[in-house]
PDB file of N, CA and C in Angstrom:
ATOM      1  N   UNK A   1      -5.742  25.970   8.994  1.00  0.00           N
ATOM      2  CA  UNK A   1      -4.306  26.036   8.797  1.00  0.00           C
ATOM      3  C   UNK A   1      -3.749  27.397   9.165  1.00  0.00           C
ATOM      4  N   UNK A   2      -4.615  28.303   9.525  1.00  0.00           N
ATOM      5  CA  UNK A   2      -4.154  29.615   9.927  1.00  0.00           C
ATOM      6  C   UNK A   2      -3.856  30.545   8.757  1.00  0.00           C
ATOM      7  N   UNK A   3      -4.461  30.286   7.600  1.00  0.00           N
ATOM      8  CA  UNK A   3      -4.282  31.196   6.465  1.00  0.00           C
ATOM      9  C   UNK A   3      -5.639  31.778   6.083  1.00  0.00           C
ATOM     10  N   UNK A   4      -5.614  32.942   5.483  1.00  0.00           N
ATOM     11  CA  UNK A   4      -6.853  33.587   5.087  1.00  0.00           C
ATOM     12  C   UNK A   4      -7.474  32.941   3.861  1.00  0.00           C
ATOM     13  N   UNK A   5      -8.753  33.237   3.660  1.00  0.00           N
ATOM     14  CA  UNK A   5      -9.486  32.681   2.535  1.00  0.00           C
ATOM     15  C   UNK A   5      -8.823  33.044   1.205  1.00  0.00           C
ATOM     16  N   UNK A   6      -8.363  34.271   1.073  1.00  0.00           N
ATOM     17  CA  UNK A   6      -7.748  34.732  -0.168  1.00  0.00           C
ATOM     18  C   UNK A   6      -6.510  33.901  -0.513  1.00  0.00           C
ATOM     19  N   UNK A   7      -5.637  33.685   0.493  1.00  0.00           N
ATOM     20  CA  UNK A   7      -4.430  32.878   0.264  1.00  0.00           C
ATOM     21  C   UNK A   7      -4.795  31.426  -0.028  1.00  0.00           C
ATOM     22  N   UNK A   8      -5.788  30.909   0.672  1.00  0.00           N
ATOM     23  CA  UNK A   8      -6.233  29.532   0.436  1.00  0.00           C
ATOM     24  C   UNK A   8      -6.759  29.399  -0.993  1.00  0.00           C
ATOM     25  N   UNK A   9      -7.561  30.371  -1.420  1.00  0.00           N
ATOM     26  CA  UNK A   9      -8.127  30.365  -2.769  1.00  0.00           C
ATOM     27  C   UNK A   9      -7.023  30.416  -3.824  1.00  0.00           C
ATOM     28  N   UNK A  10      -5.992  31.235  -3.579  1.00  0.00           N
ATOM     29  CA  UNK A  10      -4.869  31.327  -4.519  1.00  0.00           C
ATOM     30  C   UNK A  10      -4.133  29.992  -4.627  1.00  0.00           C
ATOM     31  N   UNK A  11      -3.974  29.295  -3.500  1.00  0.00           N
ATOM     32  CA  UNK A  11      -3.323  27.985  -3.543  1.00  0.00           C
ATOM     33  C   UNK A  11      -4.152  26.997  -4.351  1.00  0.00           C
ATOM     34  N   UNK A  12      -5.455  26.997  -4.123  1.00  0.00           N
ATOM     35  CA  UNK A  12      -6.330  26.084  -4.859  1.00  0.00           C
ATOM     36  C   UNK A  12      -6.300  26.345  -6.358  1.00  0.00           C
ATOM     37  N   UNK A  13      -6.180  27.612  -6.742  1.00  0.00           N
ATOM     38  CA  UNK A  13      -6.189  27.980  -8.156  1.00  0.00           C
ATOM     39  C   UNK A  13      -4.802  27.973  -8.791  1.00  0.00           C
ATOM     40  N   UNK A  14      -3.766  27.635  -8.019  1.00  0.00           N
ATOM     41  CA  UNK A  14      -2.408  27.561  -8.547  1.00  0.00           C
ATOM     42  C   UNK A  14      -1.711  28.894  -8.673  1.00  0.00           C
ATOM     43  N   UNK A  15      -2.281  29.948  -8.111  1.00  0.00           N
ATOM     44  CA  UNK A  15      -1.669  31.273  -8.183  1.00  0.00           C
ATOM     45  C   UNK A  15      -0.640  31.485  -7.082  1.00  0.00           C
ATOM     46  N   UNK A  16      -0.612  30.592  -6.106  1.00  0.00           N
ATOM     47  CA  UNK A  16       0.309  30.712  -4.972  1.00  0.00           C
ATOM     48  C   UNK A  16       0.691  29.311  -4.517  1.00  0.00           C
ATOM     49  N   UNK A  17       1.972  29.119  -4.246  1.00  0.00           N
ATOM     50  CA  UNK A  17       2.458  27.843  -3.724  1.00  0.00           C
ATOM     51  C   UNK A  17       2.422  27.875  -2.197  1.00  0.00           C
ATOM     52  N   UNK A  18       2.084  26.774  -1.573  1.00  0.00           N
ATOM     53  CA  UNK A  18       2.099  26.755  -0.100  1.00  0.00           C
ATOM     54  C   UNK A  18       3.531  26.792   0.430  1.00  0.00           C
ATOM     55  N   UNK A  19       3.673  27.385   1.607  1.00  0.00           N
ATOM     56  CA  UNK A  19       4.989  27.422   2.260  1.00  0.00           C
ATOM     57  C   UNK A  19       5.285  26.045   2.851  1.00  0.00           C
ATOM     58  N   UNK A  20       6.514  25.845   3.286  1.00  0.00           N
ATOM     59  CA  UNK A  20       6.906  24.584   3.919  1.00  0.00           C
ATOM     60  C   UNK A  20       6.056  24.336   5.167  1.00  0.00           C
ATOM     61  N   UNK A  21       5.849  25.383   5.946  1.00  0.00           N
ATOM     62  CA  UNK A  21       5.027  25.256   7.154  1.00  0.00           C
ATOM     63  C   UNK A  21       3.608  24.840   6.800  1.00  0.00           C
ATOM     64  N   UNK A  22       3.051  25.435   5.751  1.00  0.00           N
ATOM     65  CA  UNK A  22       1.688  25.082   5.322  1.00  0.00           C
ATOM     66  C   UNK A  22       1.628  23.647   4.815  1.00  0.00           C
ATOM     67  N   UNK A  23       2.669  23.209   4.103  1.00  0.00           N
ATOM     68  CA  UNK A  23       2.728  21.816   3.647  1.00  0.00           C
ATOM     69  C   UNK A  23       2.766  20.858   4.839  1.00  0.00           C
ATOM     70  N   UNK A  24       3.537  21.227   5.854  1.00  0.00           N
ATOM     71  CA  UNK A  24       3.619  20.391   7.053  1.00  0.00           C
ATOM     72  C   UNK A  24       2.257  20.300   7.742  1.00  0.00           C
ATOM     73  N   UNK A  25       1.556  21.424   7.821  1.00  0.00           N
ATOM     74  CA  UNK A  25       0.231  21.437   8.448  1.00  0.00           C
ATOM     75  C   UNK A  25      -0.758  20.585   7.655  1.00  0.00           C
ATOM     76  N   UNK A  26      -0.703  20.689   6.317  1.00  0.00           N
ATOM     77  CA  UNK A  26      -1.597  19.890   5.473  1.00  0.00           C
ATOM     78  C   UNK A  26      -1.311  18.400   5.636  1.00  0.00           C
ATOM     79  N   UNK A  27      -0.036  18.054   5.643  1.00  0.00           N
ATOM     80  CA  UNK A  27       0.338  16.651   5.794  1.00  0.00           C
ATOM     81  C   UNK A  27      -0.160  16.107   7.134  1.00  0.00           C
ATOM     82  N   UNK A  28      -0.008  16.901   8.180  1.00  0.00           N
ATOM     83  CA  UNK A  28      -0.485  16.481   9.498  1.00  0.00           C
ATOM     84  C   UNK A  28      -2.004  16.326   9.503  1.00  0.00           C
ATOM     85  N   UNK A  29      -2.691  17.262   8.862  1.00  0.00           N
ATOM     86  CA  UNK A  29      -4.145  17.211   8.787  1.00  0.00           C
ATOM     87  C   UNK A  29      -4.627  15.926   8.128  1.00  0.00           C
ATOM     88  N   UNK A  30      -3.951  15.508   7.054  1.00  0.00           N
ATOM     89  CA  UNK A  30      -4.355  14.308   6.315  1.00  0.00           C
ATOM     90  C   UNK A  30      -3.644  13.043   6.793  1.00  0.00           C
ATOM     91  N   UNK A  31      -2.824  13.175   7.849  1.00  0.00           N
ATOM     92  CA  UNK A  31      -2.112  12.045   8.433  1.00  0.00           C
ATOM     93  C   UNK A  31      -1.231  11.334   7.397  1.00  0.00           C
ATOM     94  N   UNK A  32      -0.509  12.146   6.620  1.00  0.00           N
ATOM     95  CA  UNK A  32       0.443  11.623   5.643  1.00  0.00           C
ATOM     96  C   UNK A  32       1.723  12.438   5.760  1.00  0.00           C
ATOM     97  N   UNK A  33       2.765  12.005   5.075  1.00  0.00           N
ATOM     98  CA  UNK A  33       4.022  12.760   5.088  1.00  0.00           C
ATOM     99  C   UNK A  33       3.954  13.873   4.046  1.00  0.00           C
ATOM    100  N   UNK A  34       4.853  14.844   4.162  1.00  0.00           N
ATOM    101  CA  UNK A  34       4.933  15.916   3.173  1.00  0.00           C
ATOM    102  C   UNK A  34       5.271  15.311   1.806  1.00  0.00           C
ATOM    103  N   UNK A  35       6.136  14.315   1.784  1.00  0.00           N
ATOM    104  CA  UNK A  35       6.486  13.648   0.526  1.00  0.00           C
ATOM    105  C   UNK A  35       5.242  13.034  -0.124  1.00  0.00           C
ATOM    106  N   UNK A  36       4.412  12.390   0.656  1.00  0.00           N
ATOM    107  CA  UNK A  36       3.190  11.811   0.109  1.00  0.00           C
ATOM    108  C   UNK A  36       2.244  12.895  -0.397  1.00  0.00           C
ATOM    109  N   UNK A  37       2.246  14.033   0.276  1.00  0.00           N
ATOM    110  CA  UNK A  37       1.417  15.162  -0.144  1.00  0.00           C
ATOM    111  C   UNK A  37       1.907  15.716  -1.489  1.00  0.00           C
ATOM    112  N   UNK A  38       3.230  15.805  -1.652  1.00  0.00           N
ATOM    113  CA  UNK A  38       3.806  16.354  -2.883  1.00  0.00           C
ATOM    114  C   UNK A  38       3.811  15.358  -4.037  1.00  0.00           C
ATOM    115  N   UNK A  39       3.783  14.072  -3.738  1.00  0.00           N
ATOM    116  CA  UNK A  39       3.830  13.024  -4.756  1.00  0.00           C
ATOM    117  C   UNK A  39       2.655  12.066  -4.579  1.00  0.00           C
ATOM    118  N   UNK A  40       1.442  12.532  -4.802  1.00  0.00           N
ATOM    119  CA  UNK A  40       0.263  11.689  -4.519  1.00  0.00           C
ATOM    120  C   UNK A  40       0.204  10.415  -5.343  1.00  0.00           C
ATOM    121  N   UNK A  41       0.870  10.381  -6.514  1.00  0.00           N
ATOM    122  CA  UNK A  41       0.832   9.155  -7.317  1.00  0.00           C
ATOM    123  C   UNK A  41       1.600   8.018  -6.645  1.00  0.00           C
ATOM    124  N   UNK A  42       2.468   8.345  -5.710  1.00  0.00           N
ATOM    125  CA  UNK A  42       3.236   7.329  -4.995  1.00  0.00           C
ATOM    126  C   UNK A  42       2.483   6.776  -3.787  1.00  0.00           C
ATOM    127  N   UNK A  43       1.320   7.351  -3.496  1.00  0.00           N
ATOM    128  CA  UNK A  43       0.572   6.920  -2.318  1.00  0.00           C
ATOM    129  C   UNK A  43      -0.175   5.631  -2.638  1.00  0.00           C
ATOM    130  N   UNK A  44       0.135   4.626  -1.888  1.00  0.00           N
ATOM    131  CA  UNK A  44      -0.612   3.374  -1.985  1.00  0.00           C
ATOM    132  C   UNK A  44      -1.082   3.034  -0.580  1.00  0.00           C
ATOM    133  N   UNK A  45      -2.256   2.445  -0.475  1.00  0.00           N
ATOM    134  CA  UNK A  45      -2.721   2.079   0.871  1.00  0.00           C
ATOM    135  C   UNK A  45      -1.721   1.158   1.555  1.00  0.00           C
ATOM    136  N   UNK A  46      -1.503   1.419   2.807  1.00  0.00           N
ATOM    137  CA  UNK A  46      -0.566   0.610   3.592  1.00  0.00           C
ATOM    138  C   UNK A  46      -1.353  -0.270   4.553  1.00  0.00           C
ATOM    139  N   UNK A  47      -0.801  -1.438   4.802  1.00  0.00           N
ATOM    140  CA  UNK A  47      -1.452  -2.351   5.734  1.00  0.00           C
ATOM    141  C   UNK A  47      -1.477  -1.720   7.120  1.00  0.00           C
ATOM    142  N   UNK A  48      -2.596  -1.860   7.798  1.00  0.00           N
ATOM    143  CA  UNK A  48      -2.765  -1.288   9.130  1.00  0.00           C
ATOM    144  C   UNK A  48      -2.613  -2.408  10.157  1.00  0.00           C
ATOM    145  N   UNK A  49      -1.789  -2.161  11.169  1.00  0.00           N
ATOM    146  CA  UNK A  49      -1.623  -3.088  12.278  1.00  0.00           C
ATOM    147  C   UNK A  49      -2.125  -2.385  13.528  1.00  0.00           C
ATOM    148  N   UNK A  50      -3.278  -2.801  14.006  1.00  0.00           N
ATOM    149  CA  UNK A  50      -3.902  -2.127  15.140  1.00  0.00           C
ATOM    150  C   UNK A  50      -3.217  -2.471  16.460  1.00  0.00           C
ATOM    151  N   UNK A  51      -2.554  -3.622  16.520  1.00  0.00           N
ATOM    152  CA  UNK A  51      -1.942  -4.067  17.778  1.00  0.00           C
ATOM    153  C   UNK A  51      -0.812  -3.149  18.241  1.00  0.00           C
ATOM    154  N   UNK A  52      -0.133  -2.479  17.314  1.00  0.00           N
ATOM    155  CA  UNK A  52       0.984  -1.625  17.718  1.00  0.00           C
ATOM    156  C   UNK A  52       0.555  -0.184  17.972  1.00  0.00           C
ATOM    157  N   UNK A  53      -0.745   0.048  18.092  1.00  0.00           N
ATOM    158  CA  UNK A  53      -1.276   1.387  18.337  1.00  0.00           C
ATOM    159  C   UNK A  53      -1.679   1.536  19.804  1.00  0.00           C
ATOM    160  N   UNK A  54      -1.758   2.787  20.251  1.00  0.00           N
ATOM    161  CA  UNK A  54      -2.268   3.036  21.599  1.00  0.00           C
ATOM    162  C   UNK A  54      -3.770   2.757  21.599  1.00  0.00           C
ATOM    163  N   UNK A  55      -4.345   2.633  22.776  1.00  0.00           N
ATOM    164  CA  UNK A  55      -5.781   2.376  22.882  1.00  0.00           C
ATOM    165  C   UNK A  55      -6.582   3.474  22.194  1.00  0.00           C
ATOM    166  N   UNK A  56      -6.179   4.724  22.379  1.00  0.00           N
ATOM    167  CA  UNK A  56      -6.881   5.838  21.727  1.00  0.00           C
ATOM    168  C   UNK A  56      -6.788   5.738  20.212  1.00  0.00           C
ATOM    169  N   UNK A  57      -5.612   5.399  19.687  1.00  0.00           N
ATOM    170  CA  UNK A  57      -5.447   5.247  18.244  1.00  0.00           C
ATOM    171  C   UNK A  57      -6.287   4.077  17.724  1.00  0.00           C
ATOM    172  N   UNK A  58      -6.343   2.994  18.503  1.00  0.00           N
ATOM    173  CA  UNK A  58      -7.153   1.840  18.105  1.00  0.00           C
ATOM    174  C   UNK A  58      -8.623   2.227  18.000  1.00  0.00           C
ATOM    175  N   UNK A  59      -9.124   2.955  19.002  1.00  0.00           N
ATOM    176  CA  UNK A  59     -10.527   3.364  18.983  1.00  0.00           C
ATOM    177  C   UNK A  59     -10.804   4.316  17.821  1.00  0.00           C
ATOM    178  N   UNK A  60      -9.870   5.195  17.527  1.00  0.00           N
ATOM    179  CA  UNK A  60     -10.043   6.124  16.409  1.00  0.00           C
ATOM    180  C   UNK A  60     -10.141   5.347  15.102  1.00  0.00           C
ATOM    181  N   UNK A  61      -9.287   4.350  14.923  1.00  0.00           N
ATOM    182  CA  UNK A  61      -9.327   3.537  13.708  1.00  0.00           C
ATOM    183  C   UNK A  61     -10.647   2.770  13.601  1.00  0.00           C
ATOM    184  N   UNK A  62     -11.112   2.226  14.709  1.00  0.00           N
ATOM    185  CA  UNK A  62     -12.385   1.499  14.704  1.00  0.00           C
ATOM    186  C   UNK A  62     -13.525   2.447  14.341  1.00  0.00           C
ATOM    187  N   UNK A  63     -13.487   3.673  14.857  1.00  0.00           N
ATOM    188  CA  UNK A  63     -14.536   4.647  14.556  1.00  0.00           C
ATOM    189  C   UNK A  63     -14.563   5.041  13.077  1.00  0.00           C
ATOM    190  N   UNK A  64     -13.467   4.842  12.365  1.00  0.00           N
ATOM    191  CA  UNK A  64     -13.419   5.156  10.935  1.00  0.00           C
ATOM    192  C   UNK A  64     -14.107   4.096  10.077  1.00  0.00           C
ATOM    193  N   UNK A  65     -14.392   2.946  10.664  1.00  0.00           N
ATOM    194  CA  UNK A  65     -15.011   1.855   9.906  1.00  0.00           C
ATOM    195  C   UNK A  65     -16.467   2.157   9.577  1.00  0.00           C
ATOM    196  N   UNK A  66     -16.986   1.446   8.575  1.00  0.00           N
ATOM    197  CA  UNK A  66     -18.417   1.508   8.283  1.00  0.00           C
ATOM    198  C   UNK A  66     -19.181   0.977   9.484  1.00  0.00           C
ATOM    199  N   UNK A  67     -20.416   1.404   9.628  1.00  0.00           N
ATOM    200  CA  UNK A  67     -21.228   1.028  10.795  1.00  0.00           C
ATOM    201  C   UNK A  67     -21.338  -0.490  10.944  1.00  0.00           C
ATOM    202  N   UNK A  68     -21.541  -1.196   9.860  1.00  0.00           N
ATOM    203  CA  UNK A  68     -21.674  -2.660   9.917  1.00  0.00           C
ATOM    204  C   UNK A  68     -20.389  -3.311  10.422  1.00  0.00           C
ATOM    205  N   UNK A  69     -19.244  -2.823   9.952  1.00  0.00           N
ATOM    206  CA  UNK A  69     -17.960  -3.366  10.403  1.00  0.00           C
ATOM    207  C   UNK A  69     -17.723  -3.057  11.881  1.00  0.00           C
ATOM    208  N   UNK A  70     -18.108  -1.842  12.310  1.00  0.00           N
ATOM    209  CA  UNK A  70     -17.977  -1.498  13.732  1.00  0.00           C
ATOM    210  C   UNK A  70     -18.811  -2.445  14.585  1.00  0.00           C
ATOM    211  N   UNK A  71     -20.035  -2.701  14.166  1.00  0.00           N
ATOM    212  CA  UNK A  71     -20.911  -3.589  14.934  1.00  0.00           C
ATOM    213  C   UNK A  71     -20.335  -5.000  14.999  1.00  0.00           C
ATOM    214  N   UNK A  72     -19.723  -5.462  13.927  1.00  0.00           N
ATOM    215  CA  UNK A  72     -19.081  -6.783  13.924  1.00  0.00           C
ATOM    216  C   UNK A  72     -17.963  -6.827  14.951  1.00  0.00           C
ATOM    217  N   UNK A  73     -17.141  -5.787  14.979  1.00  0.00           N
ATOM    218  CA  UNK A  73     -16.037  -5.717  15.956  1.00  0.00           C
ATOM    219  C   UNK A  73     -16.590  -5.732  17.378  1.00  0.00           C
ATOM    220  N   UNK A  74     -17.617  -4.923  17.626  1.00  0.00           N
ATOM    221  CA  UNK A  74     -18.178  -4.847  18.973  1.00  0.00           C
ATOM    222  C   UNK A  74     -18.830  -6.170  19.389  1.00  0.00           C
ATOM    223  N   UNK A  75     -19.460  -6.869  18.447  1.00  0.00           N
ATOM    224  CA  UNK A  75     -20.034  -8.192  18.779  1.00  0.00           C
ATOM    225  C   UNK A  75     -18.927  -9.181  19.136  1.00  0.00           C
ATOM    226  N   UNK A  76     -17.814  -9.133  18.407  1.00  0.00           N
ATOM    227  CA  UNK A  76     -16.684 -10.015  18.726  1.00  0.00           C
ATOM    228  C   UNK A  76     -16.130  -9.710  20.121  1.00  0.00           C
ATOM    229  N   UNK A  77     -15.978  -8.435  20.421  1.00  0.00           N
ATOM    230  CA  UNK A  77     -15.474  -8.040  21.741  1.00  0.00           C
ATOM    231  C   UNK A  77     -16.452  -8.486  22.827  1.00  0.00           C
ATOM    232  N   UNK A  78     -17.751  -8.276  22.605  1.00  0.00           N
ATOM    233  CA  UNK A  78     -18.766  -8.725  23.571  1.00  0.00           C
ATOM    234  C   UNK A  78     -18.637 -10.219  23.829  1.00  0.00           C
ATOM    235  N   UNK A  79     -18.495 -10.988  22.763  1.00  0.00           N
ATOM    236  CA  UNK A  79     -18.384 -12.458  22.885  1.00  0.00           C
ATOM    237  C   UNK A  79     -17.126 -12.839  23.670  1.00  0.00           C
ATOM    238  N   UNK A  80     -16.021 -12.196  23.373  1.00  0.00           N
ATOM    239  CA  UNK A  80     -14.766 -12.493  24.079  1.00  0.00           C
ATOM    240  C   UNK A  80     -14.864 -12.135  25.557  1.00  0.00           C
ATOM    241  N   UNK A  81     -15.469 -10.991  25.853  1.00  0.00           N
ATOM    242  CA  UNK A  81     -15.627 -10.595  27.255  1.00  0.00           C
ATOM    243  C   UNK A  81     -16.554 -11.547  28.000  1.00  0.00           C
ATOM    244  N   UNK A  82     -17.624 -11.980  27.346  1.00  0.00           N
ATOM    245  CA  UNK A  82     -18.542 -12.945  27.962  1.00  0.00           C
ATOM    246  C   UNK A  82     -17.818 -14.264  28.230  1.00  0.00           C
ATOM    247  N   UNK A  83     -17.048 -14.740  27.260  1.00  0.00           N
ATOM    248  CA  UNK A  83     -16.276 -15.975  27.447  1.00  0.00           C
ATOM    249  C   UNK A  83     -15.309 -15.848  28.615  1.00  0.00           C
ATOM    250  N   UNK A  84     -14.642 -14.707  28.719  1.00  0.00           N
ATOM    251  CA  UNK A  84     -13.710 -14.498  29.831  1.00  0.00           C
ATOM    252  C   UNK A  84     -14.431 -14.539  31.172  1.00  0.00           C
ATOM    253  N   UNK A  85     -15.595 -13.902  31.243  1.00  0.00           N
ATOM    254  CA  UNK A  85     -16.357 -13.904  32.499  1.00  0.00           C
ATOM    255  C   UNK A  85     -16.750 -15.325  32.888  1.00  0.00           C
ATOM    256  N   UNK A  86     -17.184 -16.125  31.912  1.00  0.00           N
ATOM    257  CA  UNK A  86     -17.530 -17.521  32.209  1.00  0.00           C
ATOM    258  C   UNK A  86     -16.311 -18.310  32.674  1.00  0.00           C
ATOM    259  N   UNK A  87     -15.181 -18.128  32.003  1.00  0.00           N
ATOM    260  CA  UNK A  87     -13.960 -18.826  32.412  1.00  0.00           C
ATOM    261  C   UNK A  87     -13.565 -18.442  33.832  1.00  0.00           C
ATOM    262  N   UNK A  88     -13.600 -17.138  34.118  1.00  0.00           N
ATOM    263  CA  UNK A  88     -13.255 -16.671  35.459  1.00  0.00           C
ATOM    264  C   UNK A  88     -14.234 -17.222  36.496  1.00  0.00           C
ATOM    265  N   UNK A  89     -15.512 -17.254  36.158  1.00  0.00           N
ATOM    266  CA  UNK A  89     -16.539 -17.780  37.061  1.00  0.00           C
ATOM    267  C   UNK A  89     -16.277 -19.252  37.376  1.00  0.00           C
ATOM    268  N   UNK A  90     -16.023 -20.041  36.328  1.00  0.00           N
ATOM    269  CA  UNK A  90     -15.783 -21.471  36.550  1.00  0.00           C
ATOM    270  C   UNK A  90     -14.490 -21.714  37.318  1.00  0.00           C
ATOM    271  N   UNK A  91     -13.455 -20.941  37.036  1.00  0.00           N
ATOM    272  CA  UNK A  91     -12.199 -21.092  37.775  1.00  0.00           C
ATOM    273  C   UNK A  91     -12.424 -20.837  39.254  1.00  0.00           C
ATOM    274  N   UNK A  92     -13.142 -19.763  39.573  1.00  0.00           N
ATOM    275  CA  UNK A  92     -13.342 -19.429  40.976  1.00  0.00           C
ATOM    276  C   UNK A  92     -14.253 -20.437  41.670  1.00  0.00           C
ATOM    277  N   UNK A  93     -15.238 -20.976  40.969  1.00  0.00           N
ATOM    278  CA  UNK A  93     -16.145 -21.962  41.574  1.00  0.00           C
ATOM    279  C   UNK A  93     -15.509 -23.338  41.673  1.00  0.00           C
ATOM    280  N   UNK A  94     -14.664 -23.731  40.735  1.00  0.00           N
ATOM    281  CA  UNK A  94     -13.963 -25.001  40.824  1.00  0.00           C
ATOM    282  C   UNK A  94     -12.965 -24.947  41.970  1.00  0.00           C
ATOM    283  N   UNK A  95     -12.351 -23.797  42.203  1.00  0.00           N
ATOM    284  CA  UNK A  95     -11.403 -23.640  43.311  1.00  0.00           C
ATOM    285  C   UNK A  95     -12.086 -23.822  44.654  1.00  0.00           C
ATOM    286  N   UNK A  96     -13.393 -23.504  44.741  1.00  0.00           N
ATOM    287  CA  UNK A  96     -14.125 -23.643  45.981  1.00  0.00           C
ATOM    288  C   UNK A  96     -14.463 -25.099  46.296  1.00  0.00           C
ATOM    289  N   UNK A  97     -14.523 -25.944  45.264  1.00  0.00           N
ATOM    290  CA  UNK A  97     -14.892 -27.350  45.473  1.00  0.00           C
ATOM    291  C   UNK A  97     -13.792 -28.091  46.104  1.00  0.00           C
TER     292      UNK A  97
END
C-alpha cells in the first residue's frame, strides 16, 4: 500500500486511522468498496455471474475455485469442445455426400 511498517503497525493496533487514499487502496486490494471495508457487518456474499465478465476475469474466478471444482469445470469444457468437433466433423462430411 506504500506505507511503512510503523504506520501499518499503528493502524493494526488502532493508534492511527487510515487515510482516505489508504482506505481506497485497501478496498481495491480486497476487491470490495470502501463502504464494505468500513462496514464489514453489512458484507454478505453476492451471487456471481461469470457470463458478464471478460475472459480474463472468468479465468481468474475459475482459478479461485478448489482444485476438484476446477477439474469439474475443465472436464465439462473438454466434453463440450469434443461434442463441437464431432458436430462440425459430421456437418462437413454430410455436406460432401
